[in-house]
Amino acid sequence: MENTRFKISQYACAVLLIVSSIALVAYQVVHIDDVAGGLLVYVAQAFLLAATV
């Protein structure tokens, strides 16, 4: 039971990281027409963390 709950929280965190990074990039592209370098670093780290899960 405990192991299943831990795995679900890991996968939920990974999905939220991917969704949040895509949403932030979409917001910047629509409103600013550019993607900042700091946001690219966040996206790279979010995808890396999600991939390791």
N, C-alpha and C. Protein backbone atom coordinates (compact mmCIF):
# COMPACT_ATOMS: atom_id res chain seq x y z
N MET A 1 0.83 -1.20 0.00
CA MET A 1 0.00 0.00 0.00
C MET A 1 0.87 1.26 0.00
N GLU A 2 1.85 1.28 0.86
CA GLU A 2 2.72 2.45 0.96
C GLU A 2 3.54 2.64 -0.32
N ASN A 3 4.02 1.53 -0.89
CA ASN A 3 4.82 1.61 -2.11
C ASN A 3 3.98 2.11 -3.28
N THR A 4 2.73 1.68 -3.36
CA THR A 4 1.85 2.12 -4.44
C THR A 4 1.55 3.61 -4.32
N ARG A 5 1.32 4.08 -3.13
CA ARG A 5 1.07 5.51 -2.90
C ARG A 5 2.28 6.34 -3.28
N PHE A 6 3.47 5.84 -2.98
CA PHE A 6 4.70 6.55 -3.33
C PHE A 6 4.88 6.63 -4.84
N LYS A 7 4.61 5.54 -5.55
CA LYS A 7 4.74 5.53 -7.00
C LYS A 7 3.73 6.47 -7.65
N ILE A 8 2.52 6.50 -7.14
CA ILE A 8 1.50 7.40 -7.68
C ILE A 8 1.92 8.85 -7.49
N SER A 9 2.47 9.18 -6.33
CA SER A 9 2.91 10.56 -6.10
C SER A 9 4.09 10.92 -6.99
N GLN A 10 4.99 9.97 -7.25
CA GLN A 10 6.10 10.22 -8.16
C GLN A 10 5.60 10.52 -9.57
N TYR A 11 4.70 9.69 -10.06
CA TYR A 11 4.20 9.88 -11.42
C TYR A 11 3.37 11.15 -11.53
N ALA A 12 2.61 11.47 -10.51
CA ALA A 12 1.82 12.70 -10.52
C ALA A 12 2.74 13.91 -10.54
N CYS A 13 3.81 13.87 -9.79
CA CYS A 13 4.77 14.97 -9.78
C CYS A 13 5.44 15.11 -11.14
N ALA A 14 5.78 14.00 -11.77
CA ALA A 14 6.40 14.05 -13.10
C ALA A 14 5.45 14.65 -14.13
N VAL A 15 4.20 14.25 -14.09
CA VAL A 15 3.21 14.78 -15.03
C VAL A 15 3.00 16.27 -14.80
N LEU A 16 2.91 16.68 -13.55
CA LEU A 16 2.73 18.10 -13.25
C LEU A 16 3.94 18.94 -13.70
N LEU A 17 5.13 18.41 -13.57
CA LEU A 17 6.31 19.13 -14.04
C LEU A 17 6.27 19.33 -15.55
N ILE A 18 5.92 18.29 -16.29
CA ILE A 18 5.85 18.41 -17.74
C ILE A 18 4.75 19.37 -18.16
N VAL A 19 3.58 19.26 -17.54
CA VAL A 19 2.46 20.13 -17.90
C VAL A 19 2.78 21.59 -17.55
N SER A 20 3.39 21.82 -16.40
CA SER A 20 3.70 23.20 -16.02
C SER A 20 4.75 23.81 -16.95
N SER A 21 5.74 23.04 -17.36
CA SER A 21 6.75 23.59 -18.25
C SER A 21 6.17 23.89 -19.63
N ILE A 22 5.31 23.03 -20.13
CA ILE A 22 4.67 23.30 -21.42
C ILE A 22 3.75 24.51 -21.33
N ALA A 23 3.03 24.64 -20.23
CA ALA A 23 2.14 25.79 -20.06
C ALA A 23 2.92 27.10 -19.97
N LEU A 24 4.03 27.09 -19.26
CA LEU A 24 4.84 28.31 -19.15
C LEU A 24 5.42 28.72 -20.50
N VAL A 25 5.90 27.76 -21.27
CA VAL A 25 6.44 28.07 -22.59
C VAL A 25 5.33 28.60 -23.50
N ALA A 26 4.17 27.97 -23.47
CA ALA A 26 3.06 28.43 -24.30
C ALA A 26 2.65 29.85 -23.92
N TYR A 27 2.61 30.14 -22.64
CA TYR A 27 2.25 31.48 -22.18
C TYR A 27 3.25 32.52 -22.69
N GLN A 28 4.53 32.21 -22.58
CA GLN A 28 5.54 33.17 -23.04
C GLN A 28 5.51 33.36 -24.55
N VAL A 29 5.28 32.29 -25.28
CA VAL A 29 5.24 32.40 -26.74
C VAL A 29 4.04 33.22 -27.18
N VAL A 30 2.90 33.02 -26.55
CA VAL A 30 1.69 33.74 -26.95
C VAL A 30 1.77 35.21 -26.57
N HIS A 31 2.21 35.52 -25.36
CA HIS A 31 2.17 36.90 -24.87
C HIS A 31 3.43 37.71 -25.15
N ILE A 32 4.57 37.07 -25.20
CA ILE A 32 5.82 37.82 -25.35
C ILE A 32 6.49 37.54 -26.70
N ASP A 33 6.11 36.47 -27.38
CA ASP A 33 6.70 36.04 -28.65
C ASP A 33 8.18 35.70 -28.51
N ASP A 34 8.57 35.27 -27.33
CA ASP A 34 9.96 34.88 -27.10
C ASP A 34 9.98 33.93 -25.90
N VAL A 35 11.00 33.10 -25.83
CA VAL A 35 11.17 32.21 -24.69
C VAL A 35 12.48 32.59 -24.01
N ALA A 36 12.39 32.94 -22.74
CA ALA A 36 13.57 33.38 -21.99
C ALA A 36 14.50 32.21 -21.71
N GLY A 37 15.76 32.52 -21.53
CA GLY A 37 16.76 31.49 -21.26
C GLY A 37 16.54 30.77 -19.95
N GLY A 38 16.09 31.50 -18.93
CA GLY A 38 15.83 30.88 -17.64
C GLY A 38 14.69 29.87 -17.71
N LEU A 39 13.71 30.17 -18.53
CA LEU A 39 12.60 29.24 -18.69
C LEU A 39 13.05 27.98 -19.41
N LEU A 40 13.95 28.12 -20.35
CA LEU A 40 14.48 26.94 -21.03
C LEU A 40 15.24 26.03 -20.07
N VAL A 41 15.95 26.63 -19.14
CA VAL A 41 16.65 25.84 -18.13
C VAL A 41 15.65 25.10 -17.25
N TYR A 42 14.55 25.78 -16.86
CA TYR A 42 13.51 25.13 -16.06
C TYR A 42 12.89 23.97 -16.83
N VAL A 43 12.60 24.18 -18.10
CA VAL A 43 11.99 23.13 -18.91
C VAL A 43 12.94 21.93 -19.02
N ALA A 44 14.21 22.20 -19.24
CA ALA A 44 15.19 21.11 -19.36
C ALA A 44 15.27 20.33 -18.05
N GLN A 45 15.31 21.00 -16.94
CA GLN A 45 15.41 20.31 -15.65
C GLN A 45 14.11 19.58 -15.32
N ALA A 46 12.97 20.15 -15.69
CA ALA A 46 11.70 19.49 -15.42
C ALA A 46 11.59 18.20 -16.24
N PHE A 47 11.98 18.26 -17.51
CA PHE A 47 11.92 17.05 -18.33
C PHE A 47 12.94 16.02 -17.87
N LEU A 48 14.10 16.46 -17.41
CA LEU A 48 15.10 15.53 -16.91
C LEU A 48 14.62 14.82 -15.65
N LEU A 49 14.02 15.57 -14.74
CA LEU A 49 13.49 14.98 -13.52
C LEU A 49 12.34 14.02 -13.83
N ALA A 50 11.45 14.43 -14.74
CA ALA A 50 10.34 13.57 -15.10
C ALA A 50 10.82 12.29 -15.78
N ALA A 51 11.89 12.39 -16.56
CA ALA A 51 12.41 11.20 -17.23
C ALA A 51 13.06 10.24 -16.24
N THR A 52 13.66 10.77 -15.19
CA THR A 52 14.29 9.87 -14.21
C THR A 52 13.27 9.15 -13.35
N VAL A 53 12.09 9.72 -13.22
CA VAL A 53 11.04 9.04 -12.45
C VAL A 53 10.56 7.86 -13.24
